[in-house]
């Protein structure tokens, strides 16, 4: 029988479990909850949509709640697993919870450039310098958004309608399409919390050709609903 509050933490990485043993240890300590960490050693560059679907399929009979995160993210909030389950339990209308995202998605694909409709706080540590990216000044348990950034994606598989879209290969827009598909399904809501803090050791890259190709594919897929502005959209004729 499943324990609904047991969390599977899935990480795709070029490194193996031995190389990431310290990260696994720290995640279990900070999670403070009944959790397990699974490292998907991805040395050939398999796209994250396929990797994440494989992780969910592998563990879906044992876990309801998943956290999929980057291998360069450190969670610095203690008992964050308890906090995550508390939010899921107190807000059953939410199926996906992240740490950064937006109510708005325009045609450029840059959700982080939508002003005060972005939410979340992420500490970055780059080349020995630490700074906090605060997308919104307010703190909150949960704030509804349309799209979530992929550095940390938590979800309850009993509440989400759609899996990761494997038409999107590589390492960009796996997060946008997953959260947006589930936002559009209306089965559950997507949310951002500031109660879980992380350090991200990179800032991402939105200027490479893979990002541009997947952005164009995203625009084609959602051409009847974009732009989404402040959680509102209008389905347009083809």
Foldseek 3Di string as FASTA:
>chain_A
DEDALEEEEEEEELDDCVVCVVQQVQCCQQLVDNYHYDYDNCNPQWFPLVVVVVVCVVCVVHYQKYKYAYPQKHWDHHNVSVLVVVLCVVAVQAFKEAAKFFQWAALVRCRLPQAQRIAHKAWEQEPNDIDIDGSHPDADSKDFHQFHDHRIMMGGNVQFDDGFDSVQTGYEPSRRCRSNVRLVVSSHTYIHHHNIYMYGHDDDDCPDPSNVVVSVVVCVVCVQWPGRDSNDTHGHDD
